[in-house]
Protein backbone atom coordinates (compact mmCIF):
# COMPACT_ATOMS: atom_id res chain seq x y z
CA MET A 1 1.15 -25.98 4.49
CA LYS A 2 3.10 -23.24 6.29
CA SER A 3 1.88 -19.80 7.26
CA TYR A 4 3.89 -16.64 7.97
CA ARG A 5 2.67 -13.28 9.29
CA LYS A 6 4.53 -10.02 9.84
CA GLU A 7 3.55 -6.38 10.27
CA LEU A 8 5.55 -3.65 8.57
CA TRP A 9 5.25 -0.23 10.21
CA PHE A 10 5.55 3.13 8.45
CA GLU A 11 5.42 6.73 9.63
CA VAL A 12 5.37 9.11 6.70
CA PRO A 13 6.19 12.68 7.83
CA GLN A 14 4.08 14.34 5.12
CA ARG A 15 0.40 13.85 4.30
CA ARG A 16 0.91 11.80 1.13
CA ALA A 17 3.66 9.54 -0.22
CA LEU A 18 4.22 6.44 -2.31
CA LEU A 19 6.82 4.08 -0.83
CA ASN A 20 8.33 1.14 -2.66
CA ILE A 21 8.11 -1.72 -0.13
CA THR A 22 9.16 -4.55 -2.46
CA ALA A 23 12.45 -5.16 -0.62
CA GLN A 24 10.68 -5.44 2.76
CA VAL A 25 8.17 -7.93 1.34
CA GLU A 26 10.96 -9.97 -0.28
CA SER A 27 12.71 -10.03 3.10
CA CYS A 28 9.54 -11.42 4.66
CA LEU A 29 9.41 -14.09 1.99
CA ARG A 30 13.00 -15.15 2.75
CA GLU A 31 12.20 -15.24 6.51
CA SER A 32 9.12 -17.39 5.85
CA GLY A 33 11.07 -20.14 4.07
CA ILE A 34 8.08 -20.65 1.78
CA ARG A 35 9.03 -21.61 -1.80
CA GLU A 36 5.60 -22.08 -3.43
CA GLY A 37 2.43 -20.28 -2.42
CA LEU A 38 0.81 -16.89 -2.15
CA CYS A 39 1.83 -13.60 -0.56
CA LEU A 40 -0.85 -11.17 0.60
CA VAL A 41 0.16 -7.60 1.42
CA ASN A 42 -2.52 -5.25 2.74
CA ALA A 43 -2.81 -1.85 4.34
CA MET A 44 -4.31 -2.09 7.80
CA HIS A 45 -5.60 1.51 7.76
CA ILE A 46 -8.51 2.98 5.81
CA THR A 47 -6.48 5.96 4.56
CA ALA A 48 -3.60 3.95 3.07
CA SER A 49 -3.23 1.58 0.15
CA VAL A 50 -1.08 -1.23 -1.19
CA PHE A 51 -0.81 -1.64 -4.95
CA ILE A 52 1.49 -2.92 -7.70
CA ASN A 53 2.92 -0.78 -10.47
CA ASP A 54 6.12 0.58 -11.99
CA ASP A 55 8.66 2.44 -9.84
CA GLU A 56 8.92 5.48 -12.08
CA ARG A 57 8.95 9.04 -10.71
CA GLY A 58 6.86 10.51 -13.55
CA LEU A 59 4.16 7.89 -13.01
CA HIS A 60 4.10 8.69 -9.29
CA ALA A 61 3.63 12.40 -10.08
CA ASP A 62 0.80 11.41 -12.44
CA TYR A 63 -0.85 9.43 -9.63
CA GLU A 64 -0.63 12.42 -7.30
CA ARG A 65 -2.16 14.76 -9.89
CA TRP A 66 -4.86 12.28 -10.90
CA LEU A 67 -5.86 11.39 -7.34
CA GLU A 68 -5.93 15.03 -6.31
CA LYS A 69 -8.23 15.75 -9.27
CA LEU A 70 -10.55 12.87 -8.30
CA ALA A 71 -10.61 13.67 -4.56
CA PRO A 72 -8.98 17.03 -3.77
CA GLU A 73 -7.78 17.48 -0.21
CA LYS A 74 -9.27 20.97 0.03
CA PRO A 75 -11.60 22.56 0.67
CA HIS A 76 -12.20 20.33 3.66
CA SER A 77 -15.74 21.73 3.88
CA ALA A 78 -16.61 19.98 0.59
CA TYR A 79 -16.88 16.62 2.40
CA ASP A 80 -19.61 15.52 4.81
CA HIS A 81 -17.10 13.25 6.61
CA ASN A 82 -15.01 16.29 7.52
CA ARG A 83 -17.96 17.85 9.35
CA THR A 84 -17.35 15.28 12.12
CA GLY A 85 -14.07 16.98 13.04
CA GLU A 86 -11.91 15.02 10.59
CA ASP A 87 -9.99 16.49 7.67
CA ASN A 88 -9.17 13.30 5.75
CA ALA A 89 -12.23 12.42 3.66
CA ASP A 90 -10.10 12.72 0.53
CA ALA A 91 -7.68 10.10 1.93
CA HIS A 92 -10.53 7.59 2.36
CA LEU A 93 -11.58 8.12 -1.26
CA LYS A 94 -8.01 7.86 -2.58
CA ARG A 95 -7.56 4.56 -0.74
CA THR A 96 -10.74 3.20 -2.29
CA VAL A 97 -9.46 4.01 -5.79
CA MET A 98 -5.93 2.65 -5.20
CA GLY A 99 -7.02 -0.50 -3.37
CA ARG A 100 -6.49 -2.21 -0.04
CA GLU A 101 -4.25 -5.15 -0.92
CA ILE A 102 -2.34 -7.19 -3.44
CA VAL A 103 -1.67 -10.91 -3.81
CA VAL A 104 1.48 -12.15 -5.53
CA ALA A 105 2.26 -15.75 -6.45
CA VAL A 106 5.39 -17.22 -4.86
CA THR A 107 7.34 -19.44 -7.23
CA ALA A 108 10.72 -21.04 -6.46
CA GLY A 109 11.08 -18.83 -3.37
CA ALA A 110 10.57 -15.54 -5.23
CA LEU A 111 7.72 -13.11 -5.83
CA ASP A 112 6.42 -14.03 -9.29
CA PHE A 113 6.21 -10.56 -10.84
CA GLY A 114 5.62 -9.41 -14.37
CA PRO A 115 8.05 -6.96 -15.98
CA TRP A 116 8.57 -3.74 -13.98
CA GLU A 117 6.15 -4.75 -11.20
CA GLN A 118 6.92 -3.47 -7.71
CA ILE A 119 4.86 -3.28 -4.49
CA PHE A 120 3.95 0.15 -3.13
CA TYR A 121 2.51 1.51 0.08
CA GLY A 122 0.36 4.55 -0.68
CA GLU A 123 -0.05 6.93 2.23
CA PHE A 124 -2.87 9.46 1.89
CA ASP A 125 -3.15 10.77 5.47
CA GLY A 126 0.30 10.48 6.99
CA ARG A 127 2.08 11.93 10.00
CA ARG A 128 1.30 8.94 12.21
CA ARG A 129 2.33 5.29 12.50
CA LYS A 130 0.48 2.85 10.30
CA ARG A 131 0.99 -0.80 9.49
CA VAL A 132 0.93 -3.16 6.56
CA LEU A 133 0.24 -6.86 6.98
CA VAL A 134 2.30 -9.43 5.07
CA LYS A 135 0.76 -12.92 5.13
CA ILE A 136 2.43 -15.73 3.21
CA ILE A 137 1.02 -19.22 2.88
CA GLY A 138 2.40 -22.24 1.06
CA GLU A 139 5.05 -24.91 1.13
């Protein structure tokens, strides 16, 4: 069995964003040479997420509205975590809801997606470099 590991780095200039990273993950799969196996993609920061969904602008706006309703950024004083000098408690909560990682089957050298599925990096406390791990195992 072969194993492949690569880190993808992102620096989002605003506080929050959803980035479609499917092409970068597919590039990793080609580099790996693996034809059958599993591909893990996970955010290596506790204020970011990796998830699978549709690449549709309206849905992304719905996510933003929904997440902001669940865990509003402000007032910062509403969160105990922010009393430690931080201002990103909402980002930790948003990451918990959206998830840390995804696993996609690799079949015949391709990510084995369902209809409309794409891989996204969700940034909830941007303005600094963060990384995503891509780990692919198989034959």
